Amino acid sequence: MNKERRSFLRNTSLVTGLLLLQNPLRALTSTSENATYLPGDNRELLIWHTNDLHGQLAGHRPAGDQGVFLDAGDFTSGTDNVNACMEIIKAMNKAGYHAATIGNRELANGQAALAALIPHMQFALVNCNYRFTDPSLARQVVRHKIVYAGSLKVGITGVGPQLPDVPGVTFLPPVAAADEVAAKLKKEHGCHVVICLSHLGFKQPGETADNADMATRSTHIDFVIGGHQQKMITTTSVLRNMAGNEVYLSQAGWNGMMTGKMKMFFNEDRQGCGIQPGSLMS
């Protein structure tokens, strides 16, 4: 090896080492997580959320505001008009969404139609209780998404309802599926908060799981953002999970009429110590 080649390799290694030292958090996580990094601190987490937009994003978080922006499914109208679907996706990209889950309307035209839309989304599409026969869709839908808001690590997963009219989609029990992912996010990934985007409905009959069940029958989920049934909830419900810990449940109207807002507070050890819920009407 000549002198110039040795010098080039030595300098490259030095630069790489300096970059790793300058940003050790990203260096350690980039190989194992598909993570997004946002400004913030370790004492407050701001979460904006919507559900059942049905193609109408009339209002969203104020421009320039920080925080995580999420949707609990049915953001499209379910139409087979591809241009209409693209319009809401473009609006969500512009608004700065970080993740959304799959509602029944996203799959109303089959697996292949949804798979064709995902490359245009600048946000993650998360679901952990569906299994798809379409290989492209199975590859593009993720079981969880991780967002760093300052030093707070937020894990996000999502679930959808049973879809008997959509061929090739296997439905798994949503509470068990979501809690399994939530446990992994807490124990293996070290998330301080786990959010479930739950498109199960406000109230379901019999033993059919709904959004409240997601909160009360799970163990590792901290915040359930609900959707699927048109229900105006003016405040955040505080429930208890299987371990006796507080779980928060919110839902933000439908058809883009409002955007939910949740501020979570943490102590110096980054343990939750309070909330400030709210909403913005369009």
Protein backbone atom coordinates (compact mmCIF):
# COMPACT_ATOMS: atom_id res chain seq x y z
CA MET A 1 0.00 0.00 0.00
CA ASN A 2 1.51 3.37 -1.01
CA LYS A 3 1.96 6.36 1.30
CA GLU A 4 -0.95 8.34 -0.22
CA ARG A 5 -3.37 5.41 0.25
CA ARG A 6 -2.33 4.93 3.90
CA SER A 7 -2.76 8.63 4.57
CA PHE A 8 -6.23 8.69 2.98
CA LEU A 9 -7.45 5.73 5.08
CA ARG A 10 -6.00 7.20 8.28
CA ASN A 11 -7.70 10.58 7.71
CA THR A 12 -11.01 8.95 6.77
CA SER A 13 -10.99 6.89 9.96
CA LEU A 14 -10.27 9.99 12.01
CA VAL A 15 -13.15 11.92 10.47
CA THR A 16 -15.54 8.99 10.97
CA GLY A 17 -14.51 8.69 14.61
CA LEU A 18 -15.07 12.38 15.20
CA LEU A 19 -18.55 12.18 13.66
CA LEU A 20 -19.45 9.28 15.93
CA LEU A 21 -18.24 11.19 18.98
CA GLN A 22 -20.17 14.28 17.97
CA ASN A 23 -23.45 12.38 17.69
CA PRO A 24 -23.18 9.12 19.66
CA LEU A 25 -26.97 8.72 20.07
CA ARG A 26 -27.64 8.59 16.34
CA ALA A 27 -24.57 6.45 15.75
CA LEU A 28 -25.77 3.81 18.21
CA THR A 29 -29.37 3.72 17.01
CA SER A 30 -29.02 4.12 13.27
CA THR A 31 -28.13 0.47 12.73
CA SER A 32 -31.13 -0.91 14.63
CA GLU A 33 -33.93 1.67 14.41
CA ASN A 34 -35.76 3.62 11.76
CA ALA A 35 -35.87 6.71 13.98
CA THR A 36 -36.87 10.34 13.51
CA TYR A 37 -35.20 13.12 15.51
CA LEU A 38 -37.07 16.24 16.64
CA PRO A 39 -36.05 19.19 18.83
CA GLY A 40 -37.26 19.11 22.43
CA ASP A 41 -36.13 18.47 25.98
CA ASN A 42 -36.49 15.79 28.65
CA ARG A 43 -39.30 17.43 30.62
CA GLU A 44 -42.14 17.92 28.11
CA LEU A 45 -43.54 15.98 25.17
CA LEU A 46 -46.09 17.59 22.85
CA ILE A 47 -48.32 15.28 20.79
CA TRP A 48 -50.75 16.41 18.09
CA HIS A 49 -53.24 13.87 16.77
CA THR A 50 -56.14 13.35 14.36
CA ASN A 51 -58.36 10.47 13.30
CA ASP A 52 -61.02 9.71 10.70
CA LEU A 53 -60.07 12.62 8.48
CA HIS A 54 -61.86 10.95 5.56
CA GLY A 55 -59.82 13.02 3.14
CA GLN A 56 -60.48 16.36 4.90
CA LEU A 57 -57.49 17.95 6.59
CA ALA A 58 -59.16 21.27 7.39
CA GLY A 59 -57.03 22.13 10.40
CA HIS A 60 -53.73 20.99 11.83
CA ARG A 61 -51.12 22.00 14.36
CA PRO A 62 -50.01 25.64 14.13
CA ALA A 63 -47.11 26.19 11.75
CA GLY A 64 -43.74 26.07 13.46
CA ASP A 65 -44.94 24.25 16.57
CA GLN A 66 -42.85 21.38 17.79
CA GLY A 67 -44.07 17.95 18.77
CA VAL A 68 -45.04 14.58 17.34
CA PHE A 69 -47.92 14.55 14.82
CA LEU A 70 -49.94 11.32 14.50
CA ASP A 71 -53.12 9.96 12.90
CA ALA A 72 -55.27 7.04 14.08
CA GLY A 73 -56.50 5.86 10.69
CA ASP A 74 -59.09 6.50 7.97
CA PHE A 75 -57.18 9.52 6.75
CA THR A 76 -58.30 8.71 3.20
CA SER A 77 -61.95 8.72 2.17
CA GLY A 78 -61.90 5.16 0.88
CA THR A 79 -62.62 6.28 -2.67
CA ASP A 80 -61.04 4.56 -5.65
CA ASN A 81 -60.10 8.03 -6.94
CA VAL A 82 -56.31 7.95 -6.73
CA ASN A 83 -56.04 11.72 -7.14
CA ALA A 84 -58.25 12.28 -4.10
CA CYS A 85 -56.09 9.93 -2.04
CA MET A 86 -52.96 11.72 -3.21
CA GLU A 87 -54.38 15.09 -2.18
CA ILE A 88 -54.82 14.10 1.47
CA ILE A 89 -51.40 12.42 1.53
CA LYS A 90 -49.80 15.60 0.16
CA ALA A 91 -51.65 17.65 2.79
CA MET A 92 -50.45 15.36 5.57
CA ASN A 93 -46.88 15.52 4.26
CA LYS A 94 -47.05 19.31 4.29
CA ALA A 95 -48.55 19.36 7.78
CA GLY A 96 -45.64 17.28 9.06
CA TYR A 97 -47.18 14.01 10.19
CA HIS A 98 -44.70 11.48 11.58
CA ALA A 99 -46.86 8.34 11.63
CA ALA A 100 -50.37 7.08 10.90
CA THR A 101 -52.10 3.75 11.26
CA ILE A 102 -54.26 1.86 8.77
CA GLY A 103 -58.01 2.22 8.98
CA ASN A 104 -60.62 0.30 7.05
CA ARG A 105 -60.82 3.06 4.42
CA GLU A 106 -57.12 2.79 3.57
CA LEU A 107 -57.76 -0.84 2.59
CA ALA A 108 -61.16 -0.30 0.97
CA ASN A 109 -59.67 -0.79 -2.50
CA GLY A 110 -57.46 -3.72 -1.60
CA GLN A 111 -53.86 -4.33 -0.65
CA ALA A 112 -52.24 -3.36 -3.92
CA ALA A 113 -53.96 0.05 -4.00
CA LEU A 114 -52.63 0.93 -0.53
CA ALA A 115 -49.15 -0.39 -1.39
CA ALA A 116 -49.06 1.97 -4.38
CA LEU A 117 -49.83 4.99 -2.17
CA ILE A 118 -47.25 4.39 0.57
CA PRO A 119 -44.17 5.56 -1.41
CA HIS A 120 -45.79 9.01 -1.58
CA MET A 121 -46.15 9.23 2.22
CA GLN A 122 -43.48 11.16 4.10
CA PHE A 123 -44.71 9.56 7.32
CA ALA A 124 -44.56 5.99 8.58
CA LEU A 125 -47.57 3.69 8.17
CA VAL A 126 -47.69 1.54 11.31
CA ASN A 127 -49.73 -1.56 12.09
CA CYS A 128 -48.95 -4.63 14.19
CA ASN A 129 -52.13 -6.74 14.02
CA TYR A 130 -52.50 -7.23 10.25
CA ARG A 131 -50.59 -9.71 8.14
CA PHE A 132 -50.63 -9.11 4.38
CA THR A 133 -50.33 -11.51 1.47
CA ASP A 134 -49.24 -8.65 -0.81
CA PRO A 135 -45.41 -8.68 -0.44
CA SER A 136 -45.05 -4.98 -1.29
CA LEU A 137 -47.55 -3.93 1.37
CA ALA A 138 -46.05 -6.31 3.93
CA ARG A 139 -42.65 -4.76 3.31
CA GLN A 140 -43.77 -1.14 3.53
CA VAL A 141 -45.99 -1.27 6.62
CA VAL A 142 -43.93 -1.21 9.84
CA ARG A 143 -44.89 -2.65 13.22
CA HIS A 144 -43.55 0.36 15.08
CA LYS A 145 -41.94 3.75 14.62
CA ILE A 146 -39.55 5.51 17.01
CA VAL A 147 -39.37 9.27 17.38
CA TYR A 148 -36.81 11.11 19.51
CA ALA A 149 -38.25 14.38 20.84
CA GLY A 150 -35.16 15.89 22.38
CA SER A 151 -33.95 13.24 24.81
CA LEU A 152 -37.36 11.59 25.14
CA LYS A 153 -37.78 8.40 23.16
CA VAL A 154 -41.31 7.77 21.86
CA GLY A 155 -42.44 4.41 20.47
CA ILE A 156 -45.48 4.32 18.20
CA THR A 157 -47.50 1.32 17.04
CA GLY A 158 -50.97 0.91 15.56
CA VAL A 159 -53.87 -1.52 15.19
CA GLY A 160 -56.92 -1.82 12.97
CA PRO A 161 -60.32 -3.58 13.07
CA GLN A 162 -61.23 -6.89 11.50
CA LEU A 163 -61.72 -6.55 7.73
CA PRO A 164 -63.78 -9.50 6.46
CA ASP A 165 -64.31 -7.86 3.07
CA VAL A 166 -60.60 -7.35 2.30
CA PRO A 167 -59.05 -10.53 0.84
CA GLY A 168 -55.59 -11.53 1.98
CA VAL A 169 -55.47 -9.58 5.26
CA THR A 170 -55.13 -11.73 8.37
CA PHE A 171 -56.43 -10.12 11.56
CA LEU A 172 -54.61 -10.77 14.86
CA PRO A 173 -56.10 -9.93 18.29
CA PRO A 174 -55.23 -6.23 18.54
CA VAL A 175 -54.61 -5.80 22.27
CA ALA A 176 -52.20 -8.72 22.48
CA ALA A 177 -50.41 -7.66 19.29
CA ALA A 178 -50.01 -4.04 20.40
CA ASP A 179 -48.92 -4.90 23.92
CA GLU A 180 -46.29 -7.29 22.59
CA VAL A 181 -44.81 -4.51 20.44
CA ALA A 182 -45.14 -2.03 23.32
CA ALA A 183 -43.20 -4.36 25.64
CA LYS A 184 -40.42 -4.59 23.06
CA LEU A 185 -40.36 -0.81 22.66
CA LYS A 186 -40.07 -0.35 26.42
CA LYS A 187 -37.70 -3.20 27.30
CA GLU A 188 -35.49 -3.57 24.22
CA HIS A 189 -35.56 -0.06 22.75
CA GLY A 190 -35.79 1.89 26.00
CA CYS A 191 -38.76 4.06 25.01
CA HIS A 192 -40.01 6.45 27.69
CA VAL A 193 -43.50 6.59 26.15
CA VAL A 194 -45.43 4.14 23.98
CA ILE A 195 -48.38 5.38 21.92
CA CYS A 196 -50.92 3.12 20.23
CA LEU A 197 -52.89 4.46 17.26
CA SER A 198 -56.03 2.39 17.76
CA HIS A 199 -58.57 2.29 14.92
CA LEU A 200 -60.88 -0.07 16.81
CA GLY A 201 -63.80 2.24 17.63
CA PHE A 202 -65.01 4.03 20.74
CA LYS A 203 -67.39 1.29 21.89
CA GLN A 204 -67.81 -2.19 20.44
CA PRO A 205 -70.37 -4.85 21.43
CA GLY A 206 -69.64 -8.07 23.24
CA GLU A 207 -66.04 -9.25 23.28
CA THR A 208 -64.95 -7.18 20.26
CA ALA A 209 -61.99 -5.08 21.39
CA ASP A 210 -62.35 -1.29 21.31
CA ASN A 211 -60.09 1.65 22.09
CA ALA A 212 -60.83 1.57 25.83
CA ASP A 213 -59.93 -2.12 25.90
CA MET A 214 -56.61 -1.22 24.32
CA ALA A 215 -55.92 0.99 27.33
CA THR A 216 -57.27 -1.19 30.14
CA ARG A 217 -56.26 -4.66 28.91
CA SER A 218 -52.66 -3.80 28.01
CA THR A 219 -49.61 -3.40 30.24
CA HIS A 220 -46.99 -1.35 28.40
CA ILE A 221 -49.00 1.29 26.49
CA ASP A 222 -49.11 4.85 27.88
CA PHE A 223 -51.36 6.74 25.46
CA VAL A 224 -54.10 5.43 23.17
CA ILE A 225 -55.16 7.68 20.30
CA GLY A 226 -58.51 6.35 19.10
CA GLY A 227 -60.54 6.37 15.93
CA HIS A 228 -62.99 4.44 13.72
CA GLN A 229 -66.35 5.61 15.15
CA GLN A 230 -67.58 9.19 14.86
CA LYS A 231 -67.49 10.27 18.47
CA MET A 232 -66.78 13.70 19.90
CA ILE A 233 -64.69 13.37 23.05
CA THR A 234 -64.09 16.73 24.65
CA THR A 235 -61.54 15.57 27.20
CA THR A 236 -58.90 12.90 27.72
CA SER A 237 -59.90 9.80 29.68
CA VAL A 238 -57.53 8.61 32.39
CA LEU A 239 -57.76 4.82 32.75
CA ARG A 240 -55.77 2.08 34.48
CA ASN A 241 -53.95 -0.69 32.65
CA MET A 242 -53.39 -4.29 33.74
CA ALA A 243 -50.46 -3.21 35.92
CA GLY A 244 -52.51 -0.48 37.62
CA ASN A 245 -50.68 2.35 35.86
CA GLU A 246 -52.36 5.35 34.26
CA VAL A 247 -53.16 5.19 30.54
CA TYR A 248 -54.57 8.12 28.58
CA LEU A 249 -57.22 7.79 25.87
CA SER A 250 -58.11 10.57 23.40
CA GLN A 251 -60.02 10.92 20.15
CA ALA A 252 -60.28 14.02 17.95
CA GLY A 253 -63.67 14.13 16.22
CA TRP A 254 -63.90 13.29 12.51
CA ASN A 255 -63.73 14.82 9.03
CA GLY A 256 -60.92 17.15 10.08
CA MET A 257 -63.10 19.12 12.51
CA MET A 258 -60.44 19.20 15.20
CA THR A 259 -56.87 18.36 16.08
CA GLY A 260 -56.13 16.77 19.45
CA LYS A 261 -53.31 18.11 21.60
CA MET A 262 -51.60 16.35 24.47
CA LYS A 263 -48.69 17.67 26.52
CA MET A 264 -47.00 15.11 28.76
CA PHE A 265 -44.69 16.19 31.59
CA PHE A 266 -41.71 14.28 32.97
CA ASN A 267 -39.52 14.52 36.05
CA GLU A 268 -35.73 14.72 35.98
CA ASP A 269 -35.55 10.93 35.57
CA ARG A 270 -37.79 11.18 32.48
CA GLN A 271 -40.68 9.50 34.26
CA GLY A 272 -44.18 10.74 33.48
CA CYS A 273 -45.60 13.06 36.13
CA GLY A 274 -48.63 14.76 34.53
CA ILE A 275 -50.54 15.76 31.40
CA GLN A 276 -52.21 18.81 29.87
CA PRO A 277 -54.78 17.67 27.26
CA GLY A 278 -56.60 19.90 24.80
CA SER A 279 -57.76 20.31 21.21
CA LEU A 280 -57.95 22.83 18.38
CA MET A 281 -61.15 23.22 16.39
CA SER A 282 -60.82 23.75 12.64
